[in-house]
N, C-alpha and C. Protein backbone atom coordinates (compact mmCIF):
# COMPACT_ATOMS: atom_id res chain seq x y z
N MET A 1 95.59 101.69 90.85
CA MET A 1 94.50 102.11 90.01
C MET A 1 93.68 100.88 89.66
N ALA A 2 92.36 101.08 89.59
CA ALA A 2 91.47 100.00 89.21
C ALA A 2 90.23 100.59 88.55
N ALA A 3 89.57 99.78 87.75
CA ALA A 3 88.30 100.15 87.13
C ALA A 3 87.23 99.20 87.68
N VAL A 4 86.22 99.76 88.34
CA VAL A 4 85.17 98.99 88.99
C VAL A 4 83.84 99.72 88.83
N ASP A 5 82.78 98.99 88.53
CA ASP A 5 81.45 99.60 88.44
C ASP A 5 80.84 99.65 89.84
N VAL A 6 81.25 100.63 90.65
CA VAL A 6 80.82 100.69 92.05
C VAL A 6 79.38 101.13 92.21
N ASN A 7 78.81 101.82 91.21
CA ASN A 7 77.44 102.29 91.35
C ASN A 7 76.42 101.50 90.52
N GLY A 8 76.86 100.43 89.87
CA GLY A 8 75.95 99.54 89.18
C GLY A 8 75.27 100.10 87.95
N ASP A 9 75.86 101.13 87.34
CA ASP A 9 75.24 101.74 86.16
C ASP A 9 75.71 101.14 84.84
N GLY A 10 76.55 100.11 84.92
CA GLY A 10 77.05 99.45 83.72
C GLY A 10 78.32 100.06 83.16
N GLN A 11 78.80 101.14 83.76
CA GLN A 11 80.03 101.80 83.32
C GLN A 11 80.99 101.86 84.49
N ASP A 12 82.23 101.40 84.27
CA ASP A 12 83.21 101.38 85.34
C ASP A 12 83.58 102.79 85.81
N GLU A 13 83.80 102.91 87.11
CA GLU A 13 84.42 104.10 87.67
C GLU A 13 85.92 103.82 87.74
N VAL A 14 86.72 104.87 87.79
CA VAL A 14 88.16 104.73 87.90
C VAL A 14 88.55 105.09 89.33
N LEU A 15 89.27 104.16 89.98
CA LEU A 15 89.74 104.36 91.35
C LEU A 15 91.24 104.58 91.30
N VAL A 16 91.69 105.69 91.88
CA VAL A 16 93.11 106.06 91.83
C VAL A 16 93.64 106.20 93.25
N GLY A 17 94.68 105.44 93.57
CA GLY A 17 95.29 105.50 94.88
C GLY A 17 96.42 106.51 94.95
N ALA A 18 96.51 107.18 96.08
CA ALA A 18 97.59 108.13 96.35
C ALA A 18 98.10 107.83 97.77
N PRO A 19 98.94 106.79 97.93
CA PRO A 19 99.33 106.35 99.27
C PRO A 19 100.19 107.34 100.04
N LEU A 20 100.79 108.32 99.39
CA LEU A 20 101.62 109.31 100.07
C LEU A 20 100.90 110.64 100.25
N PHE A 21 99.58 110.65 100.09
CA PHE A 21 98.81 111.88 100.21
C PHE A 21 98.90 112.45 101.63
N PHE A 22 99.24 113.74 101.72
CA PHE A 22 99.23 114.48 102.97
C PHE A 22 98.00 115.37 102.97
N ASN A 23 97.29 115.41 104.08
CA ASN A 23 96.11 116.25 104.18
C ASN A 23 96.51 117.72 104.06
N GLU A 24 95.92 118.41 103.10
CA GLU A 24 96.24 119.82 102.86
C GLU A 24 95.78 120.72 103.99
N ALA A 25 94.85 120.26 104.79
CA ALA A 25 94.36 121.07 105.91
C ALA A 25 95.35 121.08 107.07
N GLY A 26 96.43 120.31 106.95
CA GLY A 26 97.44 120.29 108.00
C GLY A 26 97.09 119.35 109.15
N GLY A 27 96.20 118.44 108.92
CA GLY A 27 95.84 117.49 109.97
C GLY A 27 95.06 116.33 109.41
N HIS A 28 94.86 115.33 110.22
CA HIS A 28 94.11 114.14 109.80
C HIS A 28 92.66 114.51 109.51
N HIS A 29 92.16 114.06 108.41
CA HIS A 29 90.79 114.34 107.99
C HIS A 29 89.87 113.27 108.55
N ASP A 30 88.96 113.66 109.42
CA ASP A 30 87.98 112.74 109.99
C ASP A 30 86.81 112.65 109.03
N GLN A 31 86.62 111.48 108.39
CA GLN A 31 85.59 111.31 107.37
C GLN A 31 84.19 111.50 107.94
N GLN A 32 83.97 111.17 109.20
CA GLN A 32 82.64 111.25 109.78
C GLN A 32 82.24 112.71 110.05
N SER A 33 83.14 113.48 110.66
CA SER A 33 82.79 114.84 111.05
C SER A 33 83.30 115.89 110.07
N GLY A 34 84.27 115.52 109.22
CA GLY A 34 84.85 116.49 108.30
C GLY A 34 85.88 117.39 108.95
N SER A 35 86.25 117.12 110.20
CA SER A 35 87.18 117.98 110.91
C SER A 35 88.61 117.45 110.81
N SER A 36 89.56 118.28 111.22
CA SER A 36 90.97 117.90 111.23
C SER A 36 91.48 117.88 112.66
N GLN A 37 92.53 117.10 112.90
CA GLN A 37 93.07 116.96 114.26
C GLN A 37 94.25 117.88 114.53
N GLY A 38 94.69 118.66 113.55
CA GLY A 38 95.73 119.65 113.80
C GLY A 38 97.15 119.15 113.78
N VAL A 39 97.40 117.97 113.23
CA VAL A 39 98.76 117.49 113.05
C VAL A 39 98.96 117.18 111.58
N TYR A 40 100.18 117.32 111.12
CA TYR A 40 100.47 117.02 109.72
C TYR A 40 100.42 115.52 109.54
N PHE A 41 99.55 115.04 108.70
CA PHE A 41 99.21 113.63 108.67
C PHE A 41 99.30 113.06 107.27
N GLU A 42 100.15 112.09 107.06
CA GLU A 42 100.25 111.39 105.78
C GLU A 42 99.26 110.23 105.83
N GLU A 43 98.06 110.46 105.30
CA GLU A 43 97.01 109.47 105.47
C GLU A 43 96.76 108.59 104.25
N GLY A 44 97.15 109.02 103.07
CA GLY A 44 96.83 108.29 101.86
C GLY A 44 95.36 108.47 101.50
N ARG A 45 95.03 108.24 100.24
CA ARG A 45 93.63 108.34 99.85
C ARG A 45 93.40 107.57 98.55
N VAL A 46 92.12 107.29 98.30
CA VAL A 46 91.68 106.71 97.05
C VAL A 46 90.57 107.61 96.53
N SER A 47 90.72 108.09 95.31
CA SER A 47 89.70 108.93 94.68
C SER A 47 88.93 108.11 93.66
N ILE A 48 87.61 108.33 93.62
CA ILE A 48 86.75 107.64 92.67
C ILE A 48 86.28 108.65 91.63
N PHE A 49 86.54 108.32 90.36
CA PHE A 49 86.18 109.19 89.25
C PHE A 49 85.11 108.52 88.39
N THR A 50 84.13 109.29 87.96
CA THR A 50 83.14 108.80 86.99
C THR A 50 83.45 109.47 85.65
N TYR A 51 82.94 108.86 84.58
CA TYR A 51 83.18 109.38 83.23
C TYR A 51 81.84 109.65 82.56
N SER A 52 81.65 110.87 82.10
CA SER A 52 80.46 111.19 81.32
C SER A 52 80.74 112.43 80.48
N ASP A 53 80.07 112.49 79.36
CA ASP A 53 80.21 113.63 78.44
C ASP A 53 81.67 113.91 78.08
N GLY A 54 82.46 112.85 77.91
CA GLY A 54 83.84 113.00 77.47
C GLY A 54 84.82 113.48 78.51
N ALA A 55 84.44 113.46 79.80
CA ALA A 55 85.35 113.95 80.84
C ALA A 55 85.22 113.12 82.11
N PHE A 56 86.31 113.06 82.87
CA PHE A 56 86.30 112.41 84.18
C PHE A 56 85.98 113.44 85.25
N GLU A 57 85.23 113.02 86.26
CA GLU A 57 84.89 113.90 87.37
C GLU A 57 85.17 113.16 88.68
N GLU A 58 85.95 113.79 89.56
CA GLU A 58 86.19 113.18 90.87
C GLU A 58 84.92 113.29 91.70
N ARG A 59 84.41 112.15 92.15
CA ARG A 59 83.16 112.14 92.90
C ARG A 59 83.38 112.12 94.41
N ILE A 60 84.44 111.41 94.84
CA ILE A 60 84.70 111.30 96.27
C ILE A 60 86.15 110.85 96.48
N SER A 61 86.70 111.20 97.62
CA SER A 61 87.98 110.65 98.07
C SER A 61 87.75 109.95 99.39
N ILE A 62 88.32 108.77 99.52
CA ILE A 62 88.26 108.00 100.76
C ILE A 62 89.66 108.09 101.36
N PHE A 63 89.75 108.51 102.61
CA PHE A 63 91.04 108.75 103.26
C PHE A 63 91.43 107.60 104.17
N GLY A 64 92.74 107.39 104.29
CA GLY A 64 93.26 106.40 105.23
C GLY A 64 93.02 106.85 106.66
N MET A 65 93.20 105.94 107.58
CA MET A 65 92.90 106.22 108.98
C MET A 65 94.14 106.23 109.88
N GLU A 66 95.32 106.06 109.28
CA GLU A 66 96.51 105.93 110.10
C GLU A 66 97.69 106.63 109.42
N ASN A 67 98.47 107.36 110.19
CA ASN A 67 99.63 108.05 109.66
C ASN A 67 100.64 107.06 109.07
N ALA A 68 101.09 107.35 107.87
CA ALA A 68 102.12 106.58 107.17
C ALA A 68 101.72 105.13 106.90
N GLY A 69 100.42 104.86 106.85
CA GLY A 69 99.95 103.51 106.57
C GLY A 69 99.98 103.15 105.09
N ARG A 70 100.15 104.17 104.24
CA ARG A 70 100.19 104.00 102.78
C ARG A 70 98.87 103.48 102.21
N PHE A 71 97.76 103.98 102.78
CA PHE A 71 96.43 103.65 102.28
C PHE A 71 96.34 104.02 100.80
N GLY A 72 95.90 103.08 99.99
CA GLY A 72 95.80 103.31 98.55
C GLY A 72 96.97 102.75 97.76
N ALA A 73 97.91 102.08 98.44
CA ALA A 73 99.07 101.52 97.74
C ALA A 73 98.65 100.44 96.75
N ALA A 74 97.57 99.76 97.03
CA ALA A 74 97.03 98.74 96.13
C ALA A 74 95.51 98.85 96.12
N ILE A 75 94.92 98.68 94.94
CA ILE A 75 93.47 98.70 94.78
C ILE A 75 93.10 97.55 93.85
N ALA A 76 92.05 96.81 94.20
CA ALA A 76 91.62 95.70 93.35
C ALA A 76 90.11 95.61 93.34
N GLY A 77 89.55 95.42 92.15
CA GLY A 77 88.13 95.13 92.03
C GLY A 77 87.85 93.72 92.51
N LEU A 78 86.73 93.51 93.18
CA LEU A 78 86.41 92.22 93.77
C LEU A 78 85.14 91.60 93.19
N GLY A 79 84.61 92.18 92.13
CA GLY A 79 83.32 91.71 91.64
C GLY A 79 82.22 92.21 92.57
N ASP A 80 81.15 91.45 92.69
CA ASP A 80 80.03 91.82 93.54
C ASP A 80 79.94 90.82 94.69
N LEU A 81 80.72 91.05 95.74
CA LEU A 81 80.82 90.11 96.86
C LEU A 81 79.50 89.86 97.56
N ASP A 82 78.72 90.91 97.76
CA ASP A 82 77.50 90.77 98.55
C ASP A 82 76.23 90.60 97.70
N GLY A 83 76.37 90.49 96.38
CA GLY A 83 75.25 90.20 95.51
C GLY A 83 74.21 91.29 95.38
N ASP A 84 74.59 92.54 95.63
CA ASP A 84 73.62 93.62 95.56
C ASP A 84 73.61 94.36 94.22
N GLY A 85 74.43 93.91 93.26
CA GLY A 85 74.46 94.54 91.94
C GLY A 85 75.48 95.66 91.79
N PHE A 86 76.23 95.95 92.84
CA PHE A 86 77.24 97.01 92.80
C PHE A 86 78.62 96.38 92.97
N GLY A 87 79.61 96.90 92.22
CA GLY A 87 80.97 96.39 92.30
C GLY A 87 81.63 96.75 93.61
N ASP A 88 82.33 95.81 94.19
CA ASP A 88 83.04 96.01 95.46
C ASP A 88 84.54 96.05 95.18
N PHE A 89 85.31 96.64 96.09
CA PHE A 89 86.75 96.77 95.86
C PHE A 89 87.52 96.72 97.16
N ALA A 90 88.80 96.40 97.04
CA ALA A 90 89.70 96.33 98.19
C ALA A 90 90.78 97.40 98.05
N VAL A 91 91.18 97.95 99.19
CA VAL A 91 92.26 98.94 99.24
C VAL A 91 93.28 98.47 100.25
N GLY A 92 94.54 98.42 99.83
CA GLY A 92 95.61 98.01 100.73
C GLY A 92 96.30 99.18 101.39
N ALA A 93 96.68 98.97 102.64
CA ALA A 93 97.49 99.91 103.41
C ALA A 93 98.57 99.08 104.09
N PRO A 94 99.69 98.83 103.40
CA PRO A 94 100.67 97.84 103.86
C PRO A 94 101.40 98.18 105.15
N PHE A 95 101.41 99.44 105.59
CA PHE A 95 102.12 99.80 106.81
C PHE A 95 101.19 100.17 107.95
N SER A 96 99.88 100.02 107.76
CA SER A 96 98.93 100.27 108.85
C SER A 96 99.03 99.17 109.89
N ALA A 97 98.38 99.38 111.02
CA ALA A 97 98.34 98.41 112.11
C ALA A 97 99.74 98.02 112.56
N SER A 98 100.55 99.03 112.86
CA SER A 98 101.92 98.83 113.35
C SER A 98 102.76 98.00 112.40
N GLY A 99 102.57 98.21 111.10
CA GLY A 99 103.38 97.54 110.10
C GLY A 99 102.86 96.19 109.65
N VAL A 100 101.79 95.71 110.26
CA VAL A 100 101.19 94.44 109.87
C VAL A 100 100.49 94.60 108.52
N GLY A 101 99.85 95.75 108.33
CA GLY A 101 99.12 96.02 107.10
C GLY A 101 97.66 95.65 107.22
N ILE A 102 96.84 96.32 106.41
CA ILE A 102 95.41 96.01 106.38
C ILE A 102 94.94 95.97 104.93
N VAL A 103 93.85 95.30 104.73
CA VAL A 103 93.10 95.36 103.48
C VAL A 103 91.70 95.82 103.86
N ALA A 104 91.27 96.94 103.31
CA ALA A 104 89.93 97.45 103.57
C ALA A 104 89.03 97.08 102.40
N ILE A 105 87.89 96.46 102.69
CA ILE A 105 86.93 96.06 101.67
C ILE A 105 85.80 97.08 101.68
N TYR A 106 85.51 97.64 100.51
CA TYR A 106 84.42 98.61 100.37
C TYR A 106 83.34 98.01 99.47
N PHE A 107 82.09 98.23 99.86
CA PHE A 107 80.96 97.72 99.11
C PHE A 107 80.33 98.85 98.30
N GLY A 108 80.15 98.60 96.99
CA GLY A 108 79.60 99.61 96.11
C GLY A 108 78.17 99.99 96.47
N LYS A 109 77.76 101.17 96.00
CA LYS A 109 76.42 101.71 96.24
C LYS A 109 76.01 102.53 95.04
N SER A 110 74.71 102.72 94.87
CA SER A 110 74.23 103.53 93.74
C SER A 110 74.70 104.97 93.85
N ASP A 111 74.81 105.47 95.07
CA ASP A 111 75.29 106.84 95.30
C ASP A 111 76.77 106.76 95.65
N VAL A 112 77.63 107.05 94.68
CA VAL A 112 79.08 106.92 94.87
C VAL A 112 79.56 107.72 96.08
N GLU A 113 78.98 108.90 96.29
CA GLU A 113 79.42 109.76 97.40
C GLU A 113 79.16 109.15 98.77
N SER A 114 78.32 108.13 98.86
CA SER A 114 78.03 107.53 100.16
C SER A 114 79.00 106.41 100.52
N ILE A 115 79.96 106.12 99.66
CA ILE A 115 80.96 105.09 99.97
C ILE A 115 82.00 105.73 100.89
N GLN A 116 81.96 105.35 102.15
CA GLN A 116 82.84 105.93 103.16
C GLN A 116 83.31 104.85 104.11
N GLY A 117 83.93 105.28 105.20
CA GLY A 117 84.46 104.37 106.20
C GLY A 117 83.42 103.46 106.82
N LYS A 118 82.16 103.94 106.97
CA LYS A 118 81.12 103.10 107.54
C LYS A 118 80.82 101.91 106.65
N ASN A 119 81.19 102.01 105.39
CA ASN A 119 80.91 100.97 104.40
C ASN A 119 82.10 100.02 104.26
N ARG A 120 83.04 100.06 105.19
CA ARG A 120 84.30 99.33 105.06
C ARG A 120 84.37 98.18 106.04
N ARG A 121 84.98 97.10 105.59
CA ARG A 121 85.34 95.98 106.46
C ARG A 121 86.85 95.83 106.34
N THR A 122 87.54 95.63 107.45
CA THR A 122 89.00 95.58 107.45
C THR A 122 89.49 94.19 107.81
N LEU A 123 90.45 93.72 107.03
CA LEU A 123 91.10 92.44 107.30
C LEU A 123 92.52 92.70 107.78
N ARG A 124 92.91 92.07 108.88
CA ARG A 124 94.28 92.18 109.38
C ARG A 124 94.75 90.81 109.80
N GLU A 125 95.91 90.46 109.34
CA GLU A 125 96.51 89.22 109.81
C GLU A 125 97.99 89.26 109.50
N LYS A 126 98.78 89.01 110.50
CA LYS A 126 100.22 88.98 110.30
C LYS A 126 100.56 87.63 109.66
N LEU A 127 101.21 87.69 108.53
CA LEU A 127 101.57 86.47 107.81
C LEU A 127 102.98 86.04 108.20
N ALA A 128 103.10 84.81 108.59
CA ALA A 128 104.41 84.26 108.94
C ALA A 128 105.19 83.97 107.67
N ALA A 129 106.48 84.25 107.70
CA ALA A 129 107.33 83.94 106.54
C ALA A 129 107.44 82.43 106.40
N SER A 130 107.37 81.96 105.17
CA SER A 130 107.47 80.50 104.99
C SER A 130 108.72 80.11 104.27
């Protein structure tokens, strides 16, 4: 869980990770087309909630891209990396990339619903034990 002002309105949004989320449609959710692949897929997700008028509202869910990757296991606010006035954040998926793990960086936007996979940069590097 993290609090980040992803839309630049001066009020933090709440980001909630669910790394064990299974797609209710019975298959992997393709964020671009909205379709499913027809297999039971543990993809993980991060939901972004806004707060107004005394209530939280889920605005969007961002889904993981790999089965059992545990997308959403860690979430961290990163400040404004690209200097555009919107808060950026990182999402960890420790078992993605054949167990190497990934960190996906998302860049905030004024329209929260437009934060999707196209807005993501992924870091992967196998760390040697020291």
